[in-house]
Amino acid sequence: MGSEMNDRVRTGSEPLALVMDLGGSWIRVALAIRSGHLLWHERMPTNAEEGGTAVISRVDALLQRGISRAEDRRIVGIGIAIAGPVDPETGIIYSPPHIPGLDGVSFKSLWGKRWDWPLLVGNDATLAALGEYHYGSGSGAHTLVYITISTGIGGGMVVNGRPLMGAHGMAGELGHMTVDRNGPRCKCGNIGCLEAIASGTSIAEAAQRRVQDVGPSHASPLLMMDMASGEMDRISAAMVFEAAKKGDSLSQEILEDVARAVGAGLVNILHAFNPDIIVIGRAVSHNWDYLWPGVQSYIEPHAMSHIRKLGFKLAVSSLGDDIGLLGAAALVWQGQ
């Protein structure tokens, strides 16, 4: 595949966007044409624990590699999707939870004058929404909301084809809306955030607590404990879903709480933004069919009647791991 993609870069003539998805686990880089096709891409581990200077060095190396791969083809801009709050105007990154070494760093300041091309940055979930609008499920939508439910929960909005950034690029923190005022404390400090109940991390932690409460010899948690090789702290969200699908009652109770929380979050989104479409992304999308009945049973009695009557579309993202790259590409091409 790599050789074939490199040949497509060499033989084509369309201008290119150099795009990057900087996440907590991986840094991905690609060359994209306006249609959203990726002609070449590579990735390397972020290794955030090595500190900000090391991450910046990897970002720089991958961008330089992308420039080299473009050869004589025209690059129109650089777009970077960043896993954390970032001001799109200044480029300053604020306390990124999975890459703490980049707090206060601005790629625009570092490289904005180094190259002749515009360098554009945005939060990865905000740009994912833009990617869905241009290349995914949201084509033609007036108002699109994207919500990513994975290790954490984030989101982004597109209105009339433009990403809704907020005053400082901080719009879309959908994981930190309160959905249960008696719920668990979130890592952000709030009580009952959606993320504190429905993220992959929170599902795993809830399962570990519940197994500990009832005792590992209890009949219900045996399946999860077997999956985790008897080590309670190895129970993951994926195991909870798998056990629930096999009839484990404790797992099913946990996921009922998750479905109610997601339903409450979606009702808030419906009332706040009145979207044409809500796109569900990332890890939970693989288990959406299991969650949806519980989510729907919450939405129906709680969403305002005219919202239900007018209707909205709910879709699962089909862009996979490329969604951050495609969102960054959409940002670049939108500026052309």
C-alpha atoms as a PDB file:
ATOM      1  CA  MET A   1       0.000   0.000   0.000  1.00  0.00           C
ATOM      2  CA  GLY A   2       2.800   2.443   0.879  1.00  0.00           C
ATOM      3  CA  SER A   3       4.442   2.111  -2.555  1.00  0.00           C
ATOM      4  CA  GLU A   4       1.102   2.509  -4.343  1.00  0.00           C
ATOM      5  CA  MET A   5       0.270   5.630  -2.319  1.00  0.00           C
ATOM      6  CA  ASN A   6       3.699   7.123  -2.996  1.00  0.00           C
ATOM      7  CA  ASP A   7       3.189   6.528  -6.736  1.00  0.00           C
ATOM      8  CA  ARG A   8      -0.125   8.412  -6.538  1.00  0.00           C
ATOM      9  CA  VAL A   9       1.699  11.393  -5.036  1.00  0.00           C
ATOM     10  CA  ARG A  10       4.341  11.368  -7.761  1.00  0.00           C
ATOM     11  CA  THR A  11       2.011  10.893 -10.722  1.00  0.00           C
ATOM     12  CA  GLY A  12      -0.783  13.287  -9.724  1.00  0.00           C
ATOM     13  CA  SER A  13      -1.033  16.988 -10.415  1.00  0.00           C
ATOM     14  CA  GLU A  14      -3.710  18.243  -8.000  1.00  0.00           C
ATOM     15  CA  PRO A  15      -2.555  20.539  -5.190  1.00  0.00           C
ATOM     16  CA  LEU A  16      -2.145  19.000  -1.744  1.00  0.00           C
ATOM     17  CA  ALA A  17      -3.006  19.739   1.860  1.00  0.00           C
ATOM     18  CA  LEU A  18      -0.447  18.566   4.404  1.00  0.00           C
ATOM     19  CA  VAL A  19      -2.485  17.373   7.384  1.00  0.00           C
ATOM     20  CA  MET A  20      -1.811  15.962  10.830  1.00  0.00           C
ATOM     21  CA  ASP A  21      -3.820  14.338  13.627  1.00  0.00           C
ATOM     22  CA  LEU A  22      -1.945  14.786  16.899  1.00  0.00           C
ATOM     23  CA  GLY A  23      -3.430  12.431  19.471  1.00  0.00           C
ATOM     24  CA  GLY A  24      -2.434  11.113  22.851  1.00  0.00           C
ATOM     25  CA  SER A  25      -1.311   7.776  21.422  1.00  0.00           C
ATOM     26  CA  TRP A  26      -0.391   8.455  17.786  1.00  0.00           C
ATOM     27  CA  ILE A  27       0.738  11.277  15.541  1.00  0.00           C
ATOM     28  CA  ARG A  28      -0.622  10.761  12.029  1.00  0.00           C
ATOM     29  CA  VAL A  29       0.367  12.770   8.972  1.00  0.00           C
ATOM     30  CA  ALA A  30      -0.962  12.645   5.415  1.00  0.00           C
ATOM     31  CA  LEU A  31      -1.155  14.388   2.070  1.00  0.00           C
ATOM     32  CA  ALA A  32      -4.753  14.964   0.982  1.00  0.00           C
ATOM     33  CA  ILE A  33      -6.398  16.254  -2.178  1.00  0.00           C
ATOM     34  CA  ARG A  34      -9.561  18.347  -2.139  1.00  0.00           C
ATOM     35  CA  SER A  35     -11.834  15.315  -2.537  1.00  0.00           C
ATOM     36  CA  GLY A  36     -10.578  13.954   0.780  1.00  0.00           C
ATOM     37  CA  HIS A  37      -8.502  11.130  -0.658  1.00  0.00           C
ATOM     38  CA  LEU A  38      -5.282  10.525   1.263  1.00  0.00           C
ATOM     39  CA  LEU A  39      -2.452   9.909  -1.182  1.00  0.00           C
ATOM     40  CA  TRP A  40       0.176   9.120   1.437  1.00  0.00           C
ATOM     41  CA  HIS A  41       0.167   8.771   5.184  1.00  0.00           C
ATOM     42  CA  GLU A  42       2.404   7.687   8.037  1.00  0.00           C
ATOM     43  CA  ARG A  43       2.216   7.611  11.796  1.00  0.00           C
ATOM     44  CA  MET A  44       4.436   7.283  14.849  1.00  0.00           C
ATOM     45  CA  PRO A  45       3.725   6.919  18.579  1.00  0.00           C
ATOM     46  CA  THR A  46       3.248  10.192  20.413  1.00  0.00           C
ATOM     47  CA  ASN A  47       5.122   8.969  23.514  1.00  0.00           C
ATOM     48  CA  ALA A  48       3.770  11.948  25.441  1.00  0.00           C
ATOM     49  CA  GLU A  49       5.457  10.769  28.630  1.00  0.00           C
ATOM     50  CA  GLU A  50       8.799  11.851  27.133  1.00  0.00           C
ATOM     51  CA  GLY A  51       7.739  15.500  27.375  1.00  0.00           C
ATOM     52  CA  GLY A  52       6.718  18.349  25.126  1.00  0.00           C
ATOM     53  CA  THR A  53      10.091  18.904  23.450  1.00  0.00           C
ATOM     54  CA  ALA A  54      10.188  15.297  22.247  1.00  0.00           C
ATOM     55  CA  VAL A  55       6.616  15.484  20.920  1.00  0.00           C
ATOM     56  CA  ILE A  56       7.365  18.750  19.091  1.00  0.00           C
ATOM     57  CA  SER A  57      10.421  17.089  17.527  1.00  0.00           C
ATOM     58  CA  ARG A  58       8.267  14.200  16.251  1.00  0.00           C
ATOM     59  CA  VAL A  59       5.648  16.583  14.874  1.00  0.00           C
ATOM     60  CA  ASP A  60       8.361  18.547  13.097  1.00  0.00           C
ATOM     61  CA  ALA A  61       9.949  15.404  11.657  1.00  0.00           C
ATOM     62  CA  LEU A  62       6.637  14.111  10.312  1.00  0.00           C
ATOM     63  CA  LEU A  63       5.717  17.451   8.764  1.00  0.00           C
ATOM     64  CA  GLN A  64       9.125  17.587   7.076  1.00  0.00           C
ATOM     65  CA  ARG A  65       8.584  14.041   5.827  1.00  0.00           C
ATOM     66  CA  GLY A  66       5.242  15.059   4.346  1.00  0.00           C
ATOM     67  CA  ILE A  67       6.809  18.047   2.613  1.00  0.00           C
ATOM     68  CA  SER A  68       9.474  15.753   1.170  1.00  0.00           C
ATOM     69  CA  ARG A  69       6.848  13.271  -0.054  1.00  0.00           C
ATOM     70  CA  ALA A  70       4.944  16.029  -1.848  1.00  0.00           C
ATOM     71  CA  GLU A  71       8.008  16.520  -4.082  1.00  0.00           C
ATOM     72  CA  ASP A  72       7.153  19.115  -6.765  1.00  0.00           C
ATOM     73  CA  ARG A  73       3.405  19.210  -6.145  1.00  0.00           C
ATOM     74  CA  ARG A  74       1.945  22.407  -4.741  1.00  0.00           C
ATOM     75  CA  ILE A  75       1.030  22.413  -1.044  1.00  0.00           C
ATOM     76  CA  VAL A  76      -1.767  24.881  -0.273  1.00  0.00           C
ATOM     77  CA  GLY A  77      -1.662  24.713   3.518  1.00  0.00           C
ATOM     78  CA  ILE A  78      -0.967  22.744   6.669  1.00  0.00           C
ATOM     79  CA  GLY A  79      -3.816  21.633   8.943  1.00  0.00           C
ATOM     80  CA  ILE A  80      -3.322  20.099  12.383  1.00  0.00           C
ATOM     81  CA  ALA A  81      -6.038  18.486  14.529  1.00  0.00           C
ATOM     82  CA  ILE A  82      -4.972  18.510  18.180  1.00  0.00           C
ATOM     83  CA  ALA A  83      -6.325  16.347  21.001  1.00  0.00           C
ATOM     84  CA  GLY A  84      -6.975  19.143  23.443  1.00  0.00           C
ATOM     85  CA  PRO A  85      -8.270  22.700  23.774  1.00  0.00           C
ATOM     86  CA  VAL A  86      -6.550  25.000  21.269  1.00  0.00           C
ATOM     87  CA  ASP A  87      -7.149  28.612  20.239  1.00  0.00           C
ATOM     88  CA  PRO A  88      -7.393  28.567  16.420  1.00  0.00           C
ATOM     89  CA  GLU A  89      -6.268  32.203  16.181  1.00  0.00           C
ATOM     90  CA  THR A  90      -3.139  32.099  18.339  1.00  0.00           C
ATOM     91  CA  GLY A  91      -2.544  28.372  18.043  1.00  0.00           C
ATOM     92  CA  ILE A  92      -1.956  28.114  21.799  1.00  0.00           C
ATOM     93  CA  ILE A  93      -2.743  24.696  23.268  1.00  0.00           C
ATOM     94  CA  TYR A  94      -4.346  24.733  26.736  1.00  0.00           C
ATOM     95  CA  SER A  95      -3.756  21.876  29.196  1.00  0.00           C
ATOM     96  CA  PRO A  96      -4.171  18.991  26.719  1.00  0.00           C
ATOM     97  CA  PRO A  97      -5.117  16.062  28.984  1.00  0.00           C
ATOM     98  CA  HIS A  98      -3.161  13.388  27.108  1.00  0.00           C
ATOM     99  CA  ILE A  99      -0.165  15.497  26.004  1.00  0.00           C
ATOM    100  CA  PRO A 100       0.490  17.723  29.040  1.00  0.00           C
ATOM    101  CA  GLY A 101       3.938  18.712  27.779  1.00  0.00           C
ATOM    102  CA  LEU A 102       2.305  20.841  25.065  1.00  0.00           C
ATOM    103  CA  ASP A 103       0.480  23.122  27.494  1.00  0.00           C
ATOM    104  CA  GLY A 104       1.065  26.711  26.341  1.00  0.00           C
ATOM    105  CA  VAL A 105       2.769  25.672  23.100  1.00  0.00           C
ATOM    106  CA  SER A 106       1.723  27.293  19.811  1.00  0.00           C
ATOM    107  CA  PHE A 107       2.621  25.535  16.580  1.00  0.00           C
ATOM    108  CA  LYS A 108       1.727  28.752  14.789  1.00  0.00           C
ATOM    109  CA  SER A 109       4.440  30.580  16.714  1.00  0.00           C
ATOM    110  CA  LEU A 110       6.914  27.757  16.157  1.00  0.00           C
ATOM    111  CA  TRP A 111       6.402  27.256  12.446  1.00  0.00           C
ATOM    112  CA  GLY A 112       3.995  29.899  11.158  1.00  0.00           C
ATOM    113  CA  LYS A 113       6.765  31.941   9.534  1.00  0.00           C
ATOM    114  CA  ARG A 114       8.937  28.994   8.573  1.00  0.00           C
ATOM    115  CA  TRP A 115       6.882  28.034   5.552  1.00  0.00           C
ATOM    116  CA  ASP A 116       4.996  30.058   2.975  1.00  0.00           C
ATOM    117  CA  TRP A 117       1.769  28.085   3.478  1.00  0.00           C
ATOM    118  CA  PRO A 118      -0.929  28.941   6.023  1.00  0.00           C
ATOM    119  CA  LEU A 119      -0.756  26.790   9.158  1.00  0.00           C
ATOM    120  CA  LEU A 120      -4.207  26.098  10.633  1.00  0.00           C
ATOM    121  CA  VAL A 121      -4.987  24.306  13.898  1.00  0.00           C
ATOM    122  CA  GLY A 122      -8.118  23.163  15.682  1.00  0.00           C
ATOM    123  CA  ASN A 123      -9.415  20.827  18.349  1.00  0.00           C
ATOM    124  CA  ASP A 124      -9.621  17.289  16.974  1.00  0.00           C
ATOM    125  CA  ALA A 125     -13.337  16.818  17.757  1.00  0.00           C
ATOM    126  CA  THR A 126     -14.249  20.174  16.202  1.00  0.00           C
ATOM    127  CA  LEU A 127     -12.339  19.253  13.069  1.00  0.00           C
ATOM    128  CA  ALA A 128     -13.868  15.763  13.103  1.00  0.00           C
ATOM    129  CA  ALA A 129     -17.266  17.466  12.834  1.00  0.00           C
ATOM    130  CA  LEU A 130     -15.981  19.431   9.852  1.00  0.00           C
ATOM    131  CA  GLY A 131     -14.648  16.213   8.310  1.00  0.00           C
ATOM    132  CA  GLU A 132     -18.052  14.567   8.742  1.00  0.00           C
ATOM    133  CA  TYR A 133     -19.698  17.554   7.073  1.00  0.00           C
ATOM    134  CA  HIS A 134     -17.453  17.438   4.003  1.00  0.00           C
ATOM    135  CA  TYR A 135     -16.541  13.769   3.668  1.00  0.00           C
ATOM    136  CA  GLY A 136     -18.837  11.738   5.897  1.00  0.00           C
ATOM    137  CA  SER A 137     -22.447  11.523   7.020  1.00  0.00           C
ATOM    138  CA  GLY A 138     -23.193  15.229   7.231  1.00  0.00           C
ATOM    139  CA  SER A 139     -23.185  16.371   3.630  1.00  0.00           C
ATOM    140  CA  GLY A 140     -25.856  19.035   3.110  1.00  0.00           C
ATOM    141  CA  ALA A 141     -26.687  19.435   6.801  1.00  0.00           C
ATOM    142  CA  HIS A 142     -27.490  22.907   8.090  1.00  0.00           C
ATOM    143  CA  THR A 143     -26.433  22.105  11.662  1.00  0.00           C
ATOM    144  CA  LEU A 144     -24.265  19.078  12.454  1.00  0.00           C
ATOM    145  CA  VAL A 145     -23.135  17.908  15.875  1.00  0.00           C
ATOM    146  CA  TYR A 146     -20.387  15.322  16.218  1.00  0.00           C
ATOM    147  CA  ILE A 147     -19.854  13.589  19.548  1.00  0.00           C
ATOM    148  CA  THR A 148     -16.917  11.297  20.150  1.00  0.00           C
ATOM    149  CA  ILE A 149     -17.294   8.745  22.937  1.00  0.00           C
ATOM    150  CA  SER A 150     -14.003   7.011  23.580  1.00  0.00           C
ATOM    151  CA  THR A 151     -11.384   7.275  26.345  1.00  0.00           C
ATOM    152  CA  GLY A 152     -12.978  10.663  26.995  1.00  0.00           C
ATOM    153  CA  ILE A 153     -15.942  12.451  25.434  1.00  0.00           C
ATOM    154  CA  GLY A 154     -15.697  15.476  23.182  1.00  0.00           C
ATOM    155  CA  GLY A 155     -17.642  17.082  20.403  1.00  0.00           C
ATOM    156  CA  GLY A 156     -17.819  19.594  17.642  1.00  0.00           C
ATOM    157  CA  MET A 157     -20.454  21.546  15.724  1.00  0.00           C
ATOM    158  CA  VAL A 158     -20.734  22.763  12.151  1.00  0.00           C
ATOM    159  CA  VAL A 159     -23.303  25.447  11.295  1.00  0.00           C
ATOM    160  CA  ASN A 160     -23.890  26.536   7.699  1.00  0.00           C
ATOM    161  CA  GLY A 161     -20.711  24.751   6.682  1.00  0.00           C
ATOM    162  CA  ARG A 162     -18.480  26.528   9.209  1.00  0.00           C
ATOM    163  CA  PRO A 163     -17.064  25.003  12.396  1.00  0.00           C
ATOM    164  CA  LEU A 164     -18.434  26.545  15.579  1.00  0.00           C
ATOM    165  CA  MET A 165     -15.206  27.332  17.438  1.00  0.00           C
ATOM    166  CA  GLY A 166     -16.385  29.562  20.278  1.00  0.00           C
ATOM    167  CA  ALA A 167     -14.670  32.681  21.610  1.00  0.00           C
ATOM    168  CA  HIS A 168     -11.294  30.991  22.081  1.00  0.00           C
ATOM    169  CA  GLY A 169     -11.766  27.731  20.208  1.00  0.00           C
ATOM    170  CA  MET A 170     -13.197  25.998  23.277  1.00  0.00           C
ATOM    171  CA  ALA A 171     -16.707  25.205  22.011  1.00  0.00           C
ATOM    172  CA  GLY A 172     -17.780  21.581  21.929  1.00  0.00           C
ATOM    173  CA  GLU A 173     -16.845  20.318  25.397  1.00  0.00           C
ATOM    174  CA  LEU A 174     -19.920  18.102  25.259  1.00  0.00           C
ATOM    175  CA  GLY A 175     -18.425  15.551  27.630  1.00  0.00           C
ATOM    176  CA  HIS A 176     -18.627  18.074  30.452  1.00  0.00           C
ATOM    177  CA  MET A 177     -22.318  18.842  30.382  1.00  0.00           C
ATOM    178  CA  THR A 178     -23.972  17.704  33.596  1.00  0.00           C
ATOM    179  CA  VAL A 179     -26.326  14.777  33.038  1.00  0.00           C
ATOM    180  CA  ASP A 180     -26.673  13.567  36.642  1.00  0.00           C
ATOM    181  CA  ARG A 181     -26.297  16.058  39.491  1.00  0.00           C
ATOM    182  CA  ASN A 182     -25.944  13.105  41.891  1.00  0.00           C
ATOM    183  CA  GLY A 183     -23.433  11.343  39.680  1.00  0.00           C
ATOM    184  CA  PRO A 184     -19.711  10.685  40.131  1.00  0.00           C
ATOM    185  CA  ARG A 185     -17.114  13.429  40.212  1.00  0.00           C
ATOM    186  CA  CYS A 186     -15.465  14.048  36.865  1.00  0.00           C
ATOM    187  CA  LYS A 187     -11.727  14.567  36.407  1.00  0.00           C
ATOM    188  CA  CYS A 188     -12.565  18.156  35.406  1.00  0.00           C
ATOM    189  CA  GLY A 189     -13.869  18.737  38.955  1.00  0.00           C
ATOM    190  CA  ASN A 190     -17.567  18.856  38.103  1.00  0.00           C
ATOM    191  CA  ILE A 191     -20.184  16.406  39.355  1.00  0.00           C
ATOM    192  CA  GLY A 192     -22.114  14.113  37.021  1.00  0.00           C
ATOM    193  CA  CYS A 193     -20.484  14.985  33.692  1.00  0.00           C
ATOM    194  CA  LEU A 194     -21.400  12.834  30.715  1.00  0.00           C
ATOM    195  CA  GLU A 195     -17.743  11.864  30.461  1.00  0.00           C
ATOM    196  CA  ALA A 196     -17.691  10.730  34.104  1.00  0.00           C
ATOM    197  CA  ILE A 197     -20.408   8.162  33.320  1.00  0.00           C
ATOM    198  CA  ALA A 198     -20.237   7.196  29.658  1.00  0.00           C
ATOM    199  CA  SER A 199     -16.604   7.404  28.516  1.00  0.00           C
ATOM    200  CA  GLY A 200     -14.672   4.198  28.009  1.00  0.00           C
ATOM    201  CA  THR A 201     -12.512   5.020  31.016  1.00  0.00           C
ATOM    202  CA  SER A 202     -15.548   5.652  33.226  1.00  0.00           C
ATOM    203  CA  ILE A 203     -17.321   2.480  32.101  1.00  0.00           C
ATOM    204  CA  ALA A 204     -14.252   0.432  33.047  1.00  0.00           C
ATOM    205  CA  GLU A 205     -13.905   2.192  36.409  1.00  0.00           C
ATOM    206  CA  ALA A 206     -17.599   1.692  37.182  1.00  0.00           C
ATOM    207  CA  ALA A 207     -17.291  -2.016  36.407  1.00  0.00           C
ATOM    208  CA  GLN A 208     -14.245  -2.374  38.630  1.00  0.00           C
ATOM    209  CA  ARG A 209     -16.055  -0.634  41.512  1.00  0.00           C
ATOM    210  CA  ARG A 210     -19.178  -2.738  41.101  1.00  0.00           C
ATOM    211  CA  VAL A 211     -17.213  -5.989  40.963  1.00  0.00           C
ATOM    212  CA  GLN A 212     -15.371  -4.985  44.120  1.00  0.00           C
ATOM    213  CA  ASP A 213     -18.640  -4.095  45.867  1.00  0.00           C
ATOM    214  CA  VAL A 214     -20.323  -7.437  45.194  1.00  0.00           C
ATOM    215  CA  GLY A 215     -17.145  -9.477  45.548  1.00  0.00           C
ATOM    216  CA  PRO A 216     -15.302 -11.399  42.823  1.00  0.00           C
ATOM    217  CA  SER A 217     -16.897 -14.701  43.850  1.00  0.00           C
ATOM    218  CA  HIS A 218     -20.397 -13.408  43.109  1.00  0.00           C
ATOM    219  CA  ALA A 219     -21.975 -15.142  40.112  1.00  0.00           C
ATOM    220  CA  SER A 220     -22.566 -11.973  38.075  1.00  0.00           C
ATOM    221  CA  PRO A 221     -19.037 -10.551  37.790  1.00  0.00           C
ATOM    222  CA  LEU A 222     -17.421 -13.924  37.119  1.00  0.00           C
ATOM    223  CA  LEU A 223     -17.615 -13.409  33.351  1.00  0.00           C
ATOM    224  CA  MET A 224     -15.843 -10.049  33.461  1.00  0.00           C
ATOM    225  CA  MET A 225     -13.252 -11.414  35.875  1.00  0.00           C
ATOM    226  CA  ASP A 226     -12.615 -14.360  33.542  1.00  0.00           C
ATOM    227  CA  MET A 227     -12.124 -11.955  30.639  1.00  0.00           C
ATOM    228  CA  ALA A 228      -9.667  -9.977  32.758  1.00  0.00           C
ATOM    229  CA  SER A 229      -7.756 -13.139  33.779  1.00  0.00           C
ATOM    230  CA  GLY A 230      -8.852 -12.638  37.372  1.00  0.00           C
ATOM    231  CA  GLU A 231      -7.311  -9.157  37.648  1.00  0.00           C
ATOM    232  CA  MET A 232     -10.038  -6.660  38.488  1.00  0.00           C
ATOM    233  CA  ASP A 233      -8.057  -3.591  37.401  1.00  0.00           C
ATOM    234  CA  ARG A 234      -7.774  -5.043  33.893  1.00  0.00           C
ATOM    235  CA  ILE A 235     -11.534  -4.942  33.290  1.00  0.00           C
ATOM    236  CA  SER A 236     -12.105  -2.677  30.268  1.00  0.00           C
ATOM    237  CA  ALA A 237     -15.113  -1.039  28.656  1.00  0.00           C
ATOM    238  CA  ALA A 238     -14.877  -3.523  25.787  1.00  0.00           C
ATOM    239  CA  MET A 239     -15.170  -6.378  28.293  1.00  0.00           C
ATOM    240  CA  VAL A 240     -18.238  -4.762  29.861  1.00  0.00           C
ATOM    241  CA  PHE A 241     -19.970  -4.610  26.479  1.00  0.00           C
ATOM    242  CA  GLU A 242     -18.961  -8.168  25.623  1.00  0.00           C
ATOM    243  CA  ALA A 243     -20.179  -9.505  28.972  1.00  0.00           C
ATOM    244  CA  ALA A 244     -23.475  -7.610  28.676  1.00  0.00           C
ATOM    245  CA  LYS A 245     -24.114  -9.083  25.239  1.00  0.00           C
ATOM    246  CA  LYS A 246     -23.593 -12.531  26.785  1.00  0.00           C
ATOM    247  CA  GLY A 247     -26.237 -11.876  29.430  1.00  0.00           C
ATOM    248  CA  ASP A 248     -24.137 -10.701  32.381  1.00  0.00           C
ATOM    249  CA  SER A 249     -26.578  -8.770  34.576  1.00  0.00           C
ATOM    250  CA  LEU A 250     -24.013  -6.543  36.306  1.00  0.00           C
ATOM    251  CA  SER A 251     -22.592  -5.386  32.967  1.00  0.00           C
ATOM    252  CA  GLN A 252     -26.100  -4.760  31.683  1.00  0.00           C
ATOM    253  CA  GLU A 253     -26.909  -2.576  34.720  1.00  0.00           C
ATOM    254  CA  ILE A 254     -23.761  -0.506  34.143  1.00  0.00           C
ATOM    255  CA  LEU A 255     -24.607   0.019  30.482  1.00  0.00           C
ATOM    256  CA  GLU A 256     -28.192   0.968  31.353  1.00  0.00           C
ATOM    257  CA  ASP A 257     -26.701   3.859  33.335  1.00  0.00           C
ATOM    258  CA  VAL A 258     -24.484   4.710  30.365  1.00  0.00           C
ATOM    259  CA  ALA A 259     -27.433   4.679  27.939  1.00  0.00           C
ATOM    260  CA  ARG A 260     -29.436   7.008  30.206  1.00  0.00           C
ATOM    261  CA  ALA A 261     -26.498   9.401  30.463  1.00  0.00           C
ATOM    262  CA  VAL A 262     -25.938   9.422  26.708  1.00  0.00           C
ATOM    263  CA  GLY A 263     -29.671   9.908  26.181  1.00  0.00           C
ATOM    264  CA  ALA A 264     -29.643  12.900  28.548  1.00  0.00           C
ATOM    265  CA  GLY A 265     -26.643  14.325  26.711  1.00  0.00           C
ATOM    266  CA  LEU A 266     -28.325  13.952  23.331  1.00  0.00           C
ATOM    267  CA  VAL A 267     -31.509  15.611  24.641  1.00  0.00           C
ATOM    268  CA  ASN A 268     -29.397  18.567  25.788  1.00  0.00           C
ATOM    269  CA  ILE A 269     -27.763  18.719  22.356  1.00  0.00           C
ATOM    270  CA  LEU A 270     -31.142  18.582  20.612  1.00  0.00           C
ATOM    271  CA  HIS A 271     -32.506  21.413  22.728  1.00  0.00           C
ATOM    272  CA  ALA A 272     -29.370  23.577  22.514  1.00  0.00           C
ATOM    273  CA  PHE A 273     -28.515  23.214  18.812  1.00  0.00           C
ATOM    274  CA  ASN A 274     -31.552  21.728  17.019  1.00  0.00           C
ATOM    275  CA  PRO A 275     -29.232  19.814  14.649  1.00  0.00           C
ATOM    276  CA  ASP A 276     -30.198  18.191  11.367  1.00  0.00           C
ATOM    277  CA  ILE A 277     -27.863  15.350  12.266  1.00  0.00           C
ATOM    278  CA  ILE A 278     -25.882  14.021  15.211  1.00  0.00           C
ATOM    279  CA  VAL A 279     -22.921  11.832  14.297  1.00  0.00           C
ATOM    280  CA  ILE A 280     -21.597   9.359  16.865  1.00  0.00           C
ATOM    281  CA  GLY A 281     -17.916   8.571  16.544  1.00  0.00           C
ATOM    282  CA  ARG A 282     -14.961   6.630  17.859  1.00  0.00           C
ATOM    283  CA  ALA A 283     -14.948   3.522  20.027  1.00  0.00           C
ATOM    284  CA  VAL A 284     -18.566   3.456  21.201  1.00  0.00           C
ATOM    285  CA  SER A 285     -19.732   3.428  17.579  1.00  0.00           C
ATOM    286  CA  HIS A 286     -18.800  -0.258  17.489  1.00  0.00           C
ATOM    287  CA  ASN A 287     -21.362  -0.921  20.239  1.00  0.00           C
ATOM    288  CA  TRP A 288     -23.962   1.648  19.262  1.00  0.00           C
ATOM    289  CA  ASP A 289     -26.546  -0.973  18.294  1.00  0.00           C
ATOM    290  CA  TYR A 290     -26.414  -2.283  21.858  1.00  0.00           C
ATOM    291  CA  LEU A 291     -26.756   1.148  23.482  1.00  0.00           C
ATOM    292  CA  TRP A 292     -29.299   2.697  21.130  1.00  0.00           C
ATOM    293  CA  PRO A 293     -32.522   1.122  22.534  1.00  0.00           C
ATOM    294  CA  GLY A 294     -31.736   2.488  26.001  1.00  0.00           C
ATOM    295  CA  VAL A 295     -30.709   5.863  24.588  1.00  0.00           C
ATOM    296  CA  GLN A 296     -33.872   6.086  22.512  1.00  0.00           C
ATOM    297  CA  SER A 297     -36.086   5.152  25.454  1.00  0.00           C
ATOM    298  CA  TYR A 298     -34.637   8.151  27.330  1.00  0.00           C
ATOM    299  CA  ILE A 299     -34.900  10.605  24.433  1.00  0.00           C
ATOM    300  CA  GLU A 300     -38.547   9.947  23.625  1.00  0.00           C
ATOM    301  CA  PRO A 301     -40.108  11.157  26.905  1.00  0.00           C
ATOM    302  CA  HIS A 302     -37.549  13.898  27.555  1.00  0.00           C
ATOM    303  CA  ALA A 303     -37.048  15.678  24.230  1.00  0.00           C
ATOM    304  CA  MET A 304     -39.508  18.514  23.615  1.00  0.00           C
ATOM    305  CA  SER A 305     -42.433  17.347  21.496  1.00  0.00           C
ATOM    306  CA  HIS A 306     -41.785  19.686  18.570  1.00  0.00           C
ATOM    307  CA  ILE A 307     -38.154  18.482  18.416  1.00  0.00           C
ATOM    308  CA  ARG A 308     -39.364  14.891  18.202  1.00  0.00           C
ATOM    309  CA  LYS A 309     -42.037  15.824  15.663  1.00  0.00           C
ATOM    310  CA  LEU A 310     -39.629  17.672  13.368  1.00  0.00           C
ATOM    311  CA  GLY A 311     -37.143  14.864  13.716  1.00  0.00           C
ATOM    312  CA  PHE A 312     -33.409  14.588  13.387  1.00  0.00           C
ATOM    313  CA  LYS A 313     -30.987  12.115  11.896  1.00  0.00           C
ATOM    314  CA  LEU A 314     -28.558  10.145  14.011  1.00  0.00           C
ATOM    315  CA  ALA A 315     -25.661   8.405  12.269  1.00  0.00           C
ATOM    316  CA  VAL A 316     -22.541   6.482  13.203  1.00  0.00           C
ATOM    317  CA  SER A 317     -19.303   7.812  11.737  1.00  0.00           C
ATOM    318  CA  SER A 318     -17.849   5.830   8.846  1.00  0.00           C
ATOM    319  CA  LEU A 319     -14.556   7.752   8.627  1.00  0.00           C
ATOM    320  CA  GLY A 320     -12.680   5.566  11.110  1.00  0.00           C
ATOM    321  CA  ASP A 321      -9.195   6.529  12.267  1.00  0.00           C
ATOM    322  CA  ASP A 322      -8.809   8.966   9.353  1.00  0.00           C
ATOM    323  CA  ILE A 323     -11.422  11.356  10.728  1.00  0.00           C
ATOM    324  CA  GLY A 324      -8.874  13.704  12.319  1.00  0.00           C
ATOM    325  CA  LEU A 325      -6.815  13.861   9.124  1.00  0.00           C
ATOM    326  CA  LEU A 326      -9.924  14.485   7.033  1.00  0.00           C
ATOM    327  CA  GLY A 327     -11.100  17.199   9.415  1.00  0.00           C
ATOM    328  CA  ALA A 328      -7.729  18.929   9.155  1.00  0.00           C
ATOM    329  CA  ALA A 329      -7.913  18.608   5.358  1.00  0.00           C
ATOM    330  CA  ALA A 330     -11.402  20.133   5.335  1.00  0.00           C
ATOM    331  CA  LEU A 331     -10.073  23.070   7.378  1.00  0.00           C
ATOM    332  CA  VAL A 332      -7.299  23.695   4.857  1.00  0.00           C
ATOM    333  CA  TRP A 333      -9.510  23.383   1.787  1.00  0.00           C
ATOM    334  CA  GLN A 334     -12.212  25.527   3.328  1.00  0.00           C
ATOM    335  CA  GLY A 335      -9.698  28.352   3.444  1.00  0.00           C
ATOM    336  CA  GLN A 336      -8.961  28.114  -0.272  1.00  0.00           C
END
